[in-house]
Amino acid sequence: MSENVKPLGPDGAMRCFYLPTPPKLAADWQLSQPDSLDKLVALNGNHWRKILVIMAKLSAPDEDWRGYMKRLLKADEQIRFGAARLSPHAKEHYVCGQQSAIKLGFTPLSEPKQFLQHSENEQQIFRLPYLDYRQCPNALIAALREQRTSLAK
């Protein structure tokens, strides 16, 4: 996978997720369509629904991640695939899985509770397991949200 793959979400997003492989998209697919994420899941299966749900749980400002799904990837989030560089616009970077960590030059995650990789210039880089329920369960999501909140204080 190369950086030639178009990211999903706006370039100026404050939160960027890094994944190794992109989903399949129909030729006429547009993120701006109201049902764009439903179409993405329909074409790619439950695996992508899980990825999007975990992203919403990490991105929602409160516990209403289901309501946040309507806004996911529309303003505040972007997904970059096979990226070798961090987004220059994002303040929060979520490096998901070993392949993404290695491609970006980070040591793969060894201890799942140690999320923060680096923090400087108001940017935070978090290393996560791949966005799958087995590797990234609700307890891990809650721990990351708590760590992120404590860093903001």
Protein backbone atom coordinates (compact mmCIF):
# COMPACT_ATOMS: atom_id res chain seq x y z
CA MET A 1 0.00 0.00 0.00
CA SER A 2 1.37 3.42 -0.79
CA GLU A 3 0.62 6.98 0.12
CA ASN A 4 -0.99 7.37 -3.30
CA VAL A 5 -4.19 5.95 -1.81
CA LYS A 6 -6.59 8.83 -1.20
CA PRO A 7 -7.38 9.42 2.48
CA LEU A 8 -10.97 9.29 3.72
CA GLY A 9 -12.10 12.46 5.42
CA PRO A 10 -11.13 16.13 5.19
CA ASP A 11 -7.47 17.17 4.92
CA GLY A 12 -7.81 19.62 7.80
CA ALA A 13 -9.18 17.04 10.25
CA MET A 14 -7.93 17.39 13.82
CA ARG A 15 -7.89 13.60 14.36
CA CYS A 16 -6.13 11.19 12.00
CA PHE A 17 -6.28 7.40 12.05
CA TYR A 18 -3.58 5.41 10.26
CA LEU A 19 -4.56 2.02 8.84
CA PRO A 20 -2.64 -0.32 6.55
CA THR A 21 -5.28 -1.02 3.90
CA PRO A 22 -8.20 0.94 2.45
CA PRO A 23 -11.72 -0.34 1.97
CA LYS A 24 -13.14 -1.07 -1.48
CA LEU A 25 -15.28 1.81 -2.72
CA ALA A 26 -17.77 1.98 -5.57
CA ALA A 27 -16.81 4.26 -8.44
CA ASP A 28 -19.66 6.65 -7.58
CA TRP A 29 -19.07 6.56 -3.79
CA GLN A 30 -18.90 9.98 -2.11
CA LEU A 31 -18.17 10.54 1.60
CA SER A 32 -20.54 13.52 1.50
CA GLN A 33 -23.53 11.27 0.81
CA PRO A 34 -25.70 10.76 3.93
CA ASP A 35 -25.45 6.96 3.67
CA SER A 36 -21.77 6.83 2.62
CA LEU A 37 -20.59 4.82 5.63
CA ASP A 38 -23.47 2.35 5.27
CA LYS A 39 -22.46 1.83 1.64
CA LEU A 40 -18.81 1.37 2.65
CA VAL A 41 -19.82 -1.31 5.18
CA ALA A 42 -22.18 -2.99 2.69
CA LEU A 43 -19.34 -3.34 0.19
CA ASN A 44 -16.61 -4.30 2.69
CA GLY A 45 -18.45 -6.24 5.38
CA ASN A 46 -18.69 -6.27 9.13
CA HIS A 47 -14.93 -5.78 9.50
CA TRP A 48 -15.29 -2.14 8.39
CA ARG A 49 -18.34 -1.58 10.55
CA LYS A 50 -16.18 -2.55 13.56
CA ILE A 51 -13.41 -0.17 12.49
CA LEU A 52 -15.87 2.73 12.13
CA VAL A 53 -17.55 1.98 15.48
CA ILE A 54 -14.21 1.97 17.31
CA MET A 55 -13.29 5.24 15.58
CA ALA A 56 -16.62 6.76 16.67
CA LYS A 57 -16.10 5.56 20.25
CA LEU A 58 -12.67 7.23 20.30
CA SER A 59 -13.86 10.41 18.55
CA ALA A 60 -17.23 11.15 20.17
CA PRO A 61 -17.05 13.98 22.72
CA ASP A 62 -19.29 11.98 25.07
CA GLU A 63 -20.66 8.44 25.36
CA ASP A 64 -23.08 8.86 22.41
CA TRP A 65 -20.88 7.23 19.79
CA ARG A 66 -23.96 5.97 17.90
CA GLY A 67 -25.14 9.53 17.35
CA TYR A 68 -21.60 10.55 16.43
CA MET A 69 -21.51 8.00 13.59
CA LYS A 70 -23.52 10.50 11.48
CA ARG A 71 -20.59 12.96 11.73
CA LEU A 72 -17.70 10.49 11.55
CA LEU A 73 -15.16 11.41 8.85
CA LYS A 74 -17.17 14.51 7.86
CA ALA A 75 -15.15 17.20 9.70
CA ASP A 76 -12.91 16.07 12.54
CA GLU A 77 -11.48 12.72 11.39
CA GLN A 78 -9.44 11.41 8.53
CA ILE A 79 -8.10 7.93 7.75
CA ARG A 80 -4.76 7.61 5.96
CA PHE A 81 -3.78 4.29 4.44
CA GLY A 82 -0.22 3.00 4.28
CA ALA A 83 1.08 6.42 5.29
CA ALA A 84 4.79 7.00 5.82
CA ARG A 85 4.22 10.50 7.26
CA LEU A 86 1.84 11.93 9.82
CA SER A 87 -0.86 14.34 8.73
CA PRO A 88 0.48 17.89 9.08
CA HIS A 89 -2.96 19.15 10.15
CA ALA A 90 -4.02 16.68 12.83
CA LYS A 91 -3.51 17.29 16.54
CA GLU A 92 -4.34 13.70 17.50
CA HIS A 93 -2.78 10.80 15.61
CA TYR A 94 -3.98 7.21 16.09
CA VAL A 95 -1.47 4.73 14.69
CA CYS A 96 -3.47 1.50 14.37
CA GLY A 97 -1.69 -1.84 14.23
CA GLN A 98 1.87 -2.97 13.71
CA GLN A 99 1.98 -2.39 9.95
CA SER A 100 0.99 1.26 10.37
CA ALA A 101 3.46 1.78 13.22
CA ILE A 102 6.36 0.31 11.25
CA LYS A 103 5.50 2.29 8.10
CA LEU A 104 5.45 5.53 10.15
CA GLY A 105 8.76 4.65 11.85
CA PHE A 106 7.38 3.78 15.31
CA THR A 107 8.11 0.73 17.38
CA PRO A 108 5.09 -1.59 17.27
CA LEU A 109 2.90 -1.60 20.37
CA SER A 110 4.16 -4.02 23.04
CA GLU A 111 2.06 -3.06 26.08
CA PRO A 112 -1.58 -2.33 25.17
CA LYS A 113 -2.11 0.18 28.02
CA GLN A 114 0.78 2.44 26.97
CA PHE A 115 -0.89 4.44 24.24
CA LEU A 116 0.98 7.70 24.14
CA GLN A 117 3.92 7.46 21.79
CA HIS A 118 4.87 11.10 21.66
CA SER A 119 3.51 14.51 22.56
CA GLU A 120 4.89 17.83 21.40
CA ASN A 121 3.74 21.05 19.76
CA GLU A 122 0.18 20.31 20.87
CA GLN A 123 0.25 17.05 18.88
CA GLN A 124 -0.37 13.68 20.46
CA ILE A 125 0.52 10.39 18.83
CA PHE A 126 -1.23 7.30 20.16
CA ARG A 127 -0.30 3.75 19.21
CA LEU A 128 -3.18 1.30 19.18
CA PRO A 129 -3.72 -2.28 18.20
CA TYR A 130 -5.56 -2.77 14.92
CA LEU A 131 -9.17 -1.52 15.21
CA ASP A 132 -10.87 -4.83 15.87
CA TYR A 133 -13.04 -5.73 18.88
CA ARG A 134 -10.67 -8.51 20.01
CA GLN A 135 -7.58 -6.34 19.86
CA CYS A 136 -9.22 -3.04 20.80
CA PRO A 137 -12.06 -3.86 23.26
CA ASN A 138 -14.22 -1.32 25.11
CA ALA A 139 -11.95 -1.42 28.21
CA LEU A 140 -8.97 -0.39 26.10
CA ILE A 141 -10.99 2.36 24.39
CA ALA A 142 -12.10 3.69 27.80
CA ALA A 143 -8.50 3.66 29.08
CA LEU A 144 -7.32 5.63 26.05
CA ARG A 145 -10.14 8.15 26.40
CA GLU A 146 -9.19 8.59 30.06
CA GLN A 147 -5.51 9.06 29.23
CA ARG A 148 -6.37 11.55 26.51
CA THR A 149 -8.61 13.52 28.91
CA SER A 150 -5.87 13.65 31.54
CA LEU A 151 -3.41 14.96 28.95
CA ALA A 152 -5.79 17.77 28.01
CA LYS A 153 -5.80 19.12 31.58
